[in-house]
Amino acid sequence: MNIEVIILAAGKGSRMKSDLPKVLHELSGKSLAQHVVDTCQTLGAKNSHIIVGHGAEQVKQTLTSNKMNLNFIHQKEQLGTGHAVKMANDDLADDCTTLILYGDVPLIHHDTLSQLVEFQQENRNGITMISCLLENPTGYGRIIRNKNNEVIGIVEQKDATEEQLKINEINTGILCCNSTNLKKWVNQLNNNNAQGEYYLTDIIAMAKSEGGSVIAVQPENLYEVEGINTLSQLAKLERIWQLSLAEELMANGVIIKDPARFDLRGYITCENDVVIDINCIIEGTVIIKRGAKIGPNVFLKNCKIGENTEIKANSVIEDAEVKNDCKVGPFARLRPGAILEDEAQVGNFVEIKKSILGKGSKASHLAYLGDSEIGSNVNVGAGVITCNYDGANKYKTIIEDGAFIGSDSQLVAPVTIGKNVTVAAGTTVTKDVADGMLCISRSKQKEIAGWKRPVKNKKAE
């Protein structure tokens, strides 16, 4: 099946009160228009013709696709939806199934569009569209049906009669038809209406006049067809979408303490009996294994969390891997390249970057471990720092199995601490230490009699 898409994304979005093009505002960590593009990819569409206007270059640079060709078409004047669609006439392939979508309607679902395309295959000479029923249809175009309940037209709010304004079935603007027919119909549009615009909706009456059928299908969820014109609407739709993501996870055995305080801004894979506490933010691609517990206010990005591992409150894990039965936090930070092997523990205010913390090893508090390779059953005391950077280059610290690194020690890389070494508190290590040694560099304690503390200088009179 040859499917092509037209995405209308030229509007400025003045009600957003922002310099950013409306379609580039983010929902769930992704631009509104990118949501639409990604959904189109799942349908197997070959080409997407994106009608751009305000902020055209920014939109072009932002949107991406690895399965579908993106063809950007610049609409200099915004003269209505019909005019926008007409801009694609020269680029749209003949005799293909064409979907018309909107860059500010981000949450249209794959299944809804698949149904739309499927019905269109049986309605080749007509139009298949999405409508929905609203308690308050104010502001929307109304679906006009005849006595046989067939769709015969759409009338915009400003052009509707008193009787038509009582209709609560509204037009979402999303439709599907044969491209050859679409090109012909949009060429026949005129702007003889209250707004002086070329309405795409006028093609409904054209299709009927030629004997084509107009089929209206309804989405499973109303939020799928909600457009965004204000920041308030964006925030509302964000929460609706996050709740739907949380419900999907809970249906698959994930315990989410409060779905109203859950934020997924990427992709997550969770096994059974995972617990996610309040105010967690998840970005990129995150994998959480069976039985893991994610505490409140945790930030996870592009990371793996192993079985029965506990991430305590206010921890940050980015581009890192925490394996099974580990404990992290509270207030810990694992930076890119950090790997915690099974049963490792990282406590409060510990930062680890591009380092491996071996099985059963501990860094319980107030430490920085960068560019390090740490073996199993190592104890890293409070205030320990691996001095990995000389101002120009970075070097590696190796701490072998069973070592004990005393509090407030500095390990000046490149350096290797051997197996079962004890580094005394307050030591600065600048040379390799052989297995089993005690390493101490602090001077002998002294007590100086008669020493006086400094006092503040008297202010000049």
Protein backbone atom coordinates (compact mmCIF):
# COMPACT_ATOMS: atom_id res chain seq x y z
CA MET A 1 0.00 0.00 0.00
CA ASN A 2 1.41 3.38 -1.00
CA ILE A 3 0.75 5.88 1.81
CA GLU A 4 1.80 9.51 1.78
CA VAL A 5 1.19 12.11 4.47
CA ILE A 6 0.60 15.85 4.48
CA ILE A 7 1.32 17.50 7.85
CA LEU A 8 0.19 21.08 8.29
CA ALA A 9 2.77 22.87 10.45
CA ALA A 10 2.97 26.43 9.14
CA GLY A 11 1.11 28.37 11.84
CA LYS A 12 2.86 30.81 14.17
CA GLY A 13 0.86 29.91 17.25
CA SER A 14 0.59 33.47 18.53
CA ARG A 15 -1.48 32.37 21.53
CA MET A 16 1.49 30.36 22.80
CA LYS A 17 3.21 33.72 23.57
CA SER A 18 6.54 32.26 22.50
CA ASP A 19 9.22 32.81 19.85
CA LEU A 20 9.42 29.05 19.37
CA PRO A 21 7.25 27.73 16.50
CA LYS A 22 4.17 26.14 18.01
CA VAL A 23 4.82 22.69 16.55
CA LEU A 24 8.26 22.59 18.21
CA HIS A 25 6.94 22.96 21.75
CA GLU A 26 7.50 19.71 23.61
CA LEU A 27 5.09 17.17 25.03
CA SER A 28 6.52 14.17 26.85
CA GLY A 29 10.03 15.30 25.93
CA LYS A 30 9.40 15.43 22.18
CA SER A 31 8.18 18.19 19.87
CA LEU A 32 4.51 18.16 18.92
CA ALA A 33 5.30 17.68 15.23
CA GLN A 34 7.84 14.93 15.94
CA HIS A 35 5.08 12.95 17.66
CA VAL A 36 3.09 13.11 14.42
CA VAL A 37 6.09 12.18 12.25
CA ASP A 38 6.92 9.19 14.45
CA THR A 39 3.35 7.90 14.30
CA CYS A 40 3.36 8.19 10.51
CA GLN A 41 6.51 6.07 10.40
CA THR A 42 4.68 3.25 12.18
CA LEU A 43 2.12 3.20 9.33
CA GLY A 44 4.79 2.54 6.73
CA ALA A 45 4.30 5.88 4.97
CA LYS A 46 6.94 6.56 2.31
CA ASN A 47 6.79 10.35 2.16
CA SER A 48 5.68 13.05 4.53
CA HIS A 49 5.05 16.48 3.02
CA ILE A 50 5.39 19.00 5.85
CA ILE A 51 3.89 22.41 5.17
CA VAL A 52 6.02 24.96 7.06
CA GLY A 53 5.79 28.71 7.47
CA HIS A 54 6.69 30.49 10.71
CA GLY A 55 10.13 29.33 11.87
CA ALA A 56 10.45 27.13 8.78
CA GLU A 57 14.21 26.65 9.04
CA GLN A 58 14.01 25.75 12.71
CA VAL A 59 11.29 23.19 11.99
CA LYS A 60 13.35 21.69 9.15
CA GLN A 61 16.42 21.36 11.38
CA THR A 62 14.49 19.82 14.26
CA LEU A 63 12.27 17.14 12.70
CA THR A 64 13.88 13.81 11.83
CA SER A 65 12.87 10.45 10.41
CA ASN A 66 14.85 7.30 9.71
CA LYS A 67 12.11 5.43 7.83
CA MET A 68 10.32 8.11 5.87
CA ASN A 69 11.34 10.90 3.52
CA LEU A 70 10.54 14.34 4.92
CA ASN A 71 9.69 16.88 2.21
CA PHE A 72 9.40 20.42 3.59
CA ILE A 73 7.22 22.83 1.62
CA HIS A 74 7.25 26.52 2.50
CA GLN A 75 3.86 28.26 2.65
CA LYS A 76 4.59 32.00 2.56
CA GLU A 77 0.99 33.07 3.16
CA GLN A 78 -1.41 31.20 5.43
CA LEU A 79 -4.71 31.33 3.53
CA GLY A 80 -6.49 28.42 5.16
CA THR A 81 -6.21 24.65 5.43
CA GLY A 82 -7.24 24.10 1.81
CA HIS A 83 -4.49 26.42 0.60
CA ALA A 84 -1.94 24.65 2.82
CA VAL A 85 -2.84 21.23 1.41
CA LYS A 86 -2.74 22.59 -2.13
CA MET A 87 0.92 23.53 -1.57
CA ALA A 88 1.74 19.81 -1.71
CA ASN A 89 0.04 19.16 -5.07
CA ASP A 90 3.22 19.20 -7.14
CA ASP A 91 5.07 16.82 -4.79
CA LEU A 92 2.29 14.41 -3.92
CA ALA A 93 2.39 11.11 -5.84
CA ASP A 94 -0.60 10.19 -8.01
CA ASP A 95 -3.07 7.50 -7.00
CA CYS A 96 -1.79 6.98 -3.46
CA THR A 97 -3.60 6.93 -0.12
CA THR A 98 -3.05 10.34 1.47
CA LEU A 99 -3.42 11.21 5.13
CA ILE A 100 -3.86 14.84 6.18
CA LEU A 101 -2.61 15.50 9.71
CA TYR A 102 -1.66 18.47 11.87
CA GLY A 103 1.62 19.30 13.56
CA ASP A 104 -0.17 20.66 16.64
CA VAL A 105 -2.30 17.52 17.15
CA PRO A 106 0.46 15.30 18.57
CA LEU A 107 -1.25 12.30 20.10
CA ILE A 108 -3.14 10.77 17.20
CA HIS A 109 -2.71 7.03 17.65
CA HIS A 110 -1.35 4.45 15.21
CA ASP A 111 -4.44 2.25 15.61
CA THR A 112 -6.82 5.12 14.81
CA LEU A 113 -4.91 6.05 11.66
CA SER A 114 -4.62 2.40 10.63
CA GLN A 115 -8.40 2.11 10.84
CA LEU A 116 -8.75 5.30 8.82
CA VAL A 117 -6.47 3.95 6.07
CA GLU A 118 -8.18 0.55 6.12
CA PHE A 119 -11.62 2.09 5.59
CA GLN A 120 -10.23 4.26 2.83
CA GLN A 121 -9.14 1.19 0.88
CA GLU A 122 -12.83 0.29 0.59
CA ASN A 123 -13.82 3.87 -0.14
CA ARG A 124 -11.38 4.66 -2.91
CA ASN A 125 -13.40 7.42 -4.57
CA GLY A 126 -14.60 9.02 -1.35
CA ILE A 127 -13.19 10.43 1.86
CA THR A 128 -12.65 8.83 5.24
CA MET A 129 -12.40 11.26 8.13
CA ILE A 130 -12.26 11.42 11.92
CA SER A 131 -15.10 13.07 13.79
CA CYS A 132 -16.00 13.07 17.46
CA LEU A 133 -18.88 14.02 19.75
CA LEU A 134 -18.37 16.89 22.18
CA GLU A 135 -20.62 18.17 24.93
CA ASN A 136 -19.47 21.68 24.02
CA PRO A 137 -18.64 21.88 20.29
CA THR A 138 -18.10 25.67 20.27
CA GLY A 139 -15.37 26.72 17.89
CA TYR A 140 -15.38 23.56 15.79
CA GLY A 141 -16.74 22.83 12.34
CA ARG A 142 -19.96 20.79 12.51
CA ILE A 143 -20.59 17.54 10.63
CA ILE A 144 -23.71 17.80 8.44
CA ARG A 145 -25.61 14.57 7.78
CA ASN A 146 -28.68 13.84 5.64
CA LYS A 147 -31.80 11.91 6.61
CA ASN A 148 -29.98 8.65 5.95
CA ASN A 149 -27.29 9.67 8.44
CA GLU A 150 -24.73 10.05 5.66
CA VAL A 151 -22.08 12.78 5.93
CA ILE A 152 -22.77 15.35 3.24
CA GLY A 153 -20.69 18.32 4.38
CA ILE A 154 -18.94 20.32 7.09
CA VAL A 155 -19.82 23.85 8.10
CA GLU A 156 -17.40 26.05 10.05
CA GLN A 157 -18.55 27.74 13.28
CA LYS A 158 -18.61 31.24 11.75
CA ASP A 159 -20.65 30.09 8.75
CA ALA A 160 -23.12 27.88 10.67
CA THR A 161 -26.81 28.60 11.11
CA GLU A 162 -28.49 28.57 14.53
CA GLU A 163 -29.75 25.05 13.87
CA GLN A 164 -26.33 23.80 12.73
CA LEU A 165 -24.68 25.21 15.84
CA LYS A 166 -26.73 22.72 17.90
CA ILE A 167 -24.91 19.79 16.25
CA ASN A 168 -22.34 18.23 18.60
CA GLU A 169 -20.50 16.03 16.07
CA ILE A 170 -17.44 17.98 15.09
CA ASN A 171 -14.73 17.84 12.45
CA THR A 172 -11.22 17.07 13.68
CA GLY A 173 -9.64 17.99 10.35
CA ILE A 174 -7.93 14.62 10.04
CA LEU A 175 -8.91 12.80 6.86
CA CYS A 176 -7.77 10.32 4.28
CA CYS A 177 -8.45 10.11 0.55
CA ASN A 178 -6.96 9.23 -2.83
CA SER A 179 -4.27 11.73 -3.86
CA THR A 180 -5.52 12.11 -7.42
CA ASN A 181 -8.95 13.14 -6.15
CA LEU A 182 -7.42 15.37 -3.48
CA LYS A 183 -5.38 17.34 -6.02
CA LYS A 184 -8.44 17.88 -8.17
CA TRP A 185 -10.65 18.96 -5.29
CA VAL A 186 -8.24 21.45 -3.70
CA ASN A 187 -7.77 23.10 -7.10
CA GLN A 188 -11.51 23.81 -7.11
CA LEU A 189 -11.62 25.49 -3.68
CA ASN A 190 -12.67 29.13 -3.29
CA ASN A 191 -12.62 31.54 -0.35
CA ASN A 192 -16.25 32.69 -0.44
CA ASN A 193 -16.85 32.39 3.30
CA ALA A 194 -16.89 34.47 6.48
CA GLN A 195 -13.15 34.18 7.03
CA GLY A 196 -12.07 34.60 3.42
CA GLU A 197 -10.04 31.39 3.61
CA TYR A 198 -9.75 28.25 1.48
CA TYR A 199 -11.42 25.60 3.62
CA LEU A 200 -10.22 22.03 3.19
CA THR A 201 -13.60 20.94 4.55
CA ASP A 202 -15.28 22.04 1.32
CA ILE A 203 -13.90 18.94 -0.41
CA ILE A 204 -16.46 16.86 1.53
CA ALA A 205 -19.32 18.33 -0.50
CA MET A 206 -17.27 17.91 -3.70
CA ALA A 207 -16.76 14.22 -3.01
CA LYS A 208 -20.49 13.74 -2.35
CA SER A 209 -21.45 15.61 -5.53
CA GLU A 210 -19.33 13.15 -7.52
CA GLY A 211 -21.01 10.15 -5.92
CA GLY A 212 -18.26 9.38 -3.44
CA SER A 213 -19.00 8.26 0.11
CA VAL A 214 -17.83 10.12 3.17
CA ILE A 215 -17.14 7.85 6.14
CA ALA A 216 -16.61 9.29 9.61
CA VAL A 217 -14.79 7.18 12.21
CA GLN A 218 -14.26 8.02 15.86
CA PRO A 219 -11.01 7.82 17.84
CA GLU A 220 -10.78 5.57 20.87
CA ASN A 221 -9.66 8.51 23.02
CA LEU A 222 -10.68 12.14 22.61
CA TYR A 223 -7.18 13.36 23.48
CA GLU A 224 -5.93 11.86 20.21
CA VAL A 225 -7.55 14.67 18.23
CA GLU A 226 -6.96 17.55 20.63
CA GLY A 227 -5.01 20.42 19.11
CA ILE A 228 -2.76 22.75 21.07
CA ASN A 229 -3.05 26.51 20.79
CA THR A 230 -2.04 27.70 24.28
CA LEU A 231 0.47 26.74 26.94
CA SER A 232 -2.44 25.85 29.20
CA GLN A 233 -3.73 23.36 26.64
CA LEU A 234 -0.21 21.96 26.29
CA ALA A 235 0.04 21.41 30.04
CA LYS A 236 -3.40 19.81 30.17
CA LEU A 237 -2.58 17.39 27.35
CA GLU A 238 0.79 16.60 28.93
CA ARG A 239 -0.90 15.38 32.09
CA ILE A 240 -3.53 13.42 30.16
CA TRP A 241 -0.79 11.71 28.15
CA GLN A 242 1.40 10.99 31.17
CA LEU A 243 -1.56 9.41 32.94
CA SER A 244 -2.19 7.17 29.93
CA LEU A 245 1.48 6.11 29.93
CA ALA A 246 1.32 5.36 33.65
CA GLU A 247 -1.84 3.31 33.24
CA GLU A 248 -0.20 1.26 30.48
CA LEU A 249 2.77 0.51 32.74
CA MET A 250 0.53 -0.39 35.67
CA ALA A 251 -1.44 -2.77 33.44
CA ASN A 252 1.86 -4.59 32.87
CA GLY A 253 2.72 -4.99 36.55
CA VAL A 254 4.58 -1.76 37.38
CA ILE A 255 3.66 -0.18 40.73
CA ILE A 256 3.43 3.59 40.31
CA LYS A 257 2.80 5.28 43.65
CA ASP A 258 0.97 8.27 42.18
CA PRO A 259 0.22 8.27 38.42
CA ALA A 260 -0.52 11.99 38.59
CA ARG A 261 3.12 12.62 39.51
CA PHE A 262 4.85 10.52 36.86
CA ASP A 263 6.81 11.87 33.89
CA LEU A 264 8.02 9.72 31.01
CA ARG A 265 9.84 11.76 28.37
CA GLY A 266 11.30 8.92 26.37
CA TYR A 267 10.98 5.13 26.33
CA ILE A 268 10.86 2.74 29.26
CA THR A 269 10.90 -1.04 29.56
CA CYS A 270 9.90 -2.41 32.97
CA GLU A 271 9.61 -5.94 34.26
CA ASN A 272 7.12 -7.07 36.92
CA ASP A 273 7.11 -5.70 40.46
CA VAL A 274 9.05 -2.55 39.69
CA VAL A 275 8.09 0.28 42.05
CA ILE A 276 8.28 3.93 40.93
CA ASP A 277 7.69 6.57 43.57
CA ILE A 278 6.47 10.15 43.03
CA ASN A 279 8.04 12.88 40.88
CA CYS A 280 10.41 10.64 38.95
CA ILE A 281 11.50 11.90 35.53
CA ILE A 282 12.49 9.37 32.90
CA GLU A 283 14.22 10.46 29.68
CA GLY A 284 15.84 8.71 26.73
CA THR A 285 15.73 4.91 26.86
CA VAL A 286 15.49 3.35 30.30
CA ILE A 287 15.34 -0.36 31.24
CA ILE A 288 14.29 -1.37 34.75
CA LYS A 289 14.48 -5.02 35.77
CA ARG A 290 12.21 -7.06 38.03
CA GLY A 291 11.80 -5.94 41.64
CA ALA A 292 13.73 -2.70 41.36
CA LYS A 293 12.58 0.28 43.45
CA ILE A 294 12.87 3.84 42.24
CA GLY A 295 12.53 6.38 45.04
CA PRO A 296 10.96 9.83 44.92
CA ASN A 297 12.41 12.69 42.85
CA VAL A 298 14.79 10.42 40.92
CA PHE A 299 16.02 11.38 37.43
CA LEU A 300 16.81 8.50 35.04
CA LYS A 301 18.18 9.00 31.53
CA ASN A 302 19.50 6.35 29.11
CA CYS A 303 20.26 3.85 31.84
CA LYS A 304 19.73 0.27 32.99
CA ILE A 305 18.61 -0.64 36.50
CA GLY A 306 19.07 -4.26 37.57
CA GLU A 307 16.90 -6.70 39.51
CA ASN A 308 16.04 -5.81 43.12
CA THR A 309 18.16 -2.69 42.97
CA GLU A 310 17.05 0.32 45.01
CA ILE A 311 17.54 3.87 43.77
CA LYS A 312 16.87 6.14 46.72
CA ALA A 313 15.44 9.64 46.75
CA ASN A 314 16.85 12.54 44.74
CA SER A 315 19.43 10.52 42.81
CA VAL A 316 20.48 11.22 39.22
CA ILE A 317 21.51 8.42 36.85
CA GLU A 318 22.47 9.26 33.27
CA ASP A 319 24.04 7.01 30.61
CA ALA A 320 24.95 4.52 33.30
CA GLU A 321 24.25 0.93 34.35
CA VAL A 322 23.37 -0.30 37.81
CA LYS A 323 23.27 -4.10 38.04
CA ASN A 324 21.45 -6.43 40.42
CA ASP A 325 20.90 -5.96 44.18
CA CYS A 326 22.58 -2.56 44.33
CA LYS A 327 21.74 0.43 46.51
CA VAL A 328 22.16 3.98 45.21
CA GLY A 329 21.56 7.23 47.07
CA PRO A 330 19.93 9.20 48.42
CA PHE A 331 21.38 12.22 46.59
CA ALA A 332 23.82 10.18 44.48
CA ARG A 333 24.87 11.03 40.94
CA LEU A 334 25.95 8.45 38.37
CA ARG A 335 27.29 10.20 35.28
CA PRO A 336 27.92 8.78 31.79
CA GLY A 337 30.01 5.62 31.76
CA ALA A 338 29.35 4.65 35.37
CA ILE A 339 28.80 0.91 35.98
CA LEU A 340 27.86 -0.62 39.32
CA GLU A 341 28.35 -4.37 39.49
CA ASP A 342 26.05 -6.63 41.55
CA GLU A 343 25.57 -5.69 45.22
CA ALA A 344 27.53 -2.45 44.95
CA GLN A 345 26.46 0.47 47.13
CA VAL A 346 26.69 4.21 46.52
CA GLY A 347 25.51 6.58 49.22
CA ASN A 348 24.60 10.22 49.60
CA PHE A 349 26.56 12.87 47.71
CA VAL A 350 28.71 10.35 45.84
CA GLU A 351 29.48 11.16 42.21
CA ILE A 352 30.75 8.50 39.80
CA LYS A 353 31.81 9.14 36.21
CA LYS A 354 33.22 6.72 33.61
CA SER A 355 34.06 4.21 36.33
CA ILE A 356 33.33 0.63 37.34
CA LEU A 357 32.44 -0.07 40.97
CA GLY A 358 32.96 -3.80 41.50
CA LYS A 359 30.76 -6.44 43.09
CA GLY A 360 29.98 -5.72 46.73
CA SER A 361 32.05 -2.53 46.78
CA LYS A 362 30.87 0.54 48.67
CA ALA A 363 31.25 4.29 48.42
CA SER A 364 28.86 5.32 51.16
CA HIS A 365 29.15 9.09 51.19
CA LEU A 366 30.82 12.26 49.95
CA ALA A 367 33.17 10.82 47.30
CA TYR A 368 34.12 11.50 43.69
CA LEU A 369 35.21 8.55 41.55
CA GLY A 370 36.12 9.46 37.98
CA ASP A 371 37.91 7.41 35.30
CA SER A 372 38.31 4.55 37.74
CA GLU A 373 38.30 0.77 37.76
CA ILE A 374 37.38 -0.48 41.21
CA GLY A 375 37.42 -4.16 42.08
CA SER A 376 35.14 -6.20 44.33
CA ASN A 377 34.60 -5.69 48.07
CA VAL A 378 36.39 -2.34 48.11
CA ASN A 379 35.44 0.24 50.74
CA VAL A 380 35.75 3.88 49.67
CA GLY A 381 35.58 6.24 52.65
CA ALA A 382 34.00 9.66 52.98
CA GLY A 383 35.65 12.49 51.11
CA VAL A 384 37.75 10.26 48.82
CA ILE A 385 38.64 11.78 45.46
CA THR A 386 40.23 10.22 42.41
CA CYS A 387 42.25 13.11 40.99
CA ASN A 388 41.83 12.14 37.34
CA TYR A 389 42.49 15.49 35.62
CA ASP A 390 45.76 17.43 35.48
CA GLY A 391 44.25 20.45 33.75
CA ALA A 392 44.87 19.08 30.25
CA ASN A 393 44.51 15.28 30.28
CA LYS A 394 42.59 12.64 32.20
CA TYR A 395 44.12 9.52 33.72
CA LYS A 396 42.87 6.27 35.20
CA THR A 397 42.81 5.05 38.80
CA ILE A 398 42.76 1.29 39.48
CA ILE A 399 41.72 -0.02 42.89
CA GLU A 400 41.98 -3.78 43.17
CA ASP A 401 39.85 -6.24 45.17
CA GLY A 402 39.53 -5.87 48.92
CA ALA A 403 41.19 -2.46 49.23
CA PHE A 404 40.16 -0.05 51.99
CA ILE A 405 40.45 3.64 51.08
CA GLY A 406 40.34 5.80 54.21
CA SER A 407 38.36 9.00 54.52
CA ASP A 408 39.57 12.21 52.90
CA SER A 409 42.18 10.48 50.75
CA GLN A 410 43.23 11.69 47.31
CA LEU A 411 44.33 9.21 44.64
CA VAL A 412 46.36 11.10 42.03
CA ALA A 413 46.01 9.30 38.71
CA PRO A 414 47.52 7.43 37.00
CA VAL A 415 47.82 5.16 39.99
CA THR A 416 47.11 1.53 40.98
CA ILE A 417 46.10 0.47 44.48
CA GLY A 418 46.84 -3.24 44.92
CA LYS A 419 44.70 -5.98 46.45
CA ASN A 420 43.81 -5.68 50.13
CA VAL A 421 45.69 -2.40 50.48
CA THR A 422 44.72 -0.04 53.29
CA VAL A 423 45.03 3.65 52.54
CA ALA A 424 45.02 5.57 55.80
CA ALA A 425 42.68 8.52 56.25
CA GLY A 426 43.94 11.81 54.87
CA THR A 427 46.52 10.20 52.58
CA THR A 428 47.55 11.57 49.21
CA VAL A 429 48.59 8.65 46.98
CA THR A 430 50.85 9.57 44.07
CA LYS A 431 52.55 6.20 43.39
CA ASP A 432 51.34 2.64 42.87
CA VAL A 433 50.79 0.66 46.09
CA ALA A 434 51.66 -3.05 46.21
CA ASP A 435 49.23 -5.73 47.42
CA GLY A 436 48.52 -5.90 51.14
CA MET A 437 50.35 -2.69 52.11
CA LEU A 438 49.34 0.10 54.48
CA CYS A 439 49.76 3.42 52.70
CA ILE A 440 50.01 6.60 54.79
CA SER A 441 51.35 10.01 53.83
CA ARG A 442 50.26 12.37 56.60
CA SER A 443 52.86 13.85 58.97
CA LYS A 444 53.21 12.94 62.65
CA GLN A 445 50.64 14.71 64.84
CA LYS A 446 51.97 17.73 66.68
CA GLU A 447 50.64 19.83 69.55
CA ILE A 448 51.92 23.43 69.57
CA ALA A 449 51.73 25.25 72.87
CA GLY A 450 50.98 28.94 73.02
CA TRP A 451 49.46 29.09 69.58
CA LYS A 452 46.92 31.88 69.20
CA ARG A 453 44.01 31.96 66.85
CA PRO A 454 43.81 34.80 64.33
CA VAL A 455 41.58 37.70 65.31
CA LYS A 456 39.76 40.19 63.20
CA ASN A 457 41.59 43.38 62.41
CA LYS A 458 40.11 46.43 64.12
CA LYS A 459 38.37 48.76 61.70
CA ALA A 460 40.23 51.95 61.04
CA GLU A 461 38.87 54.78 63.13
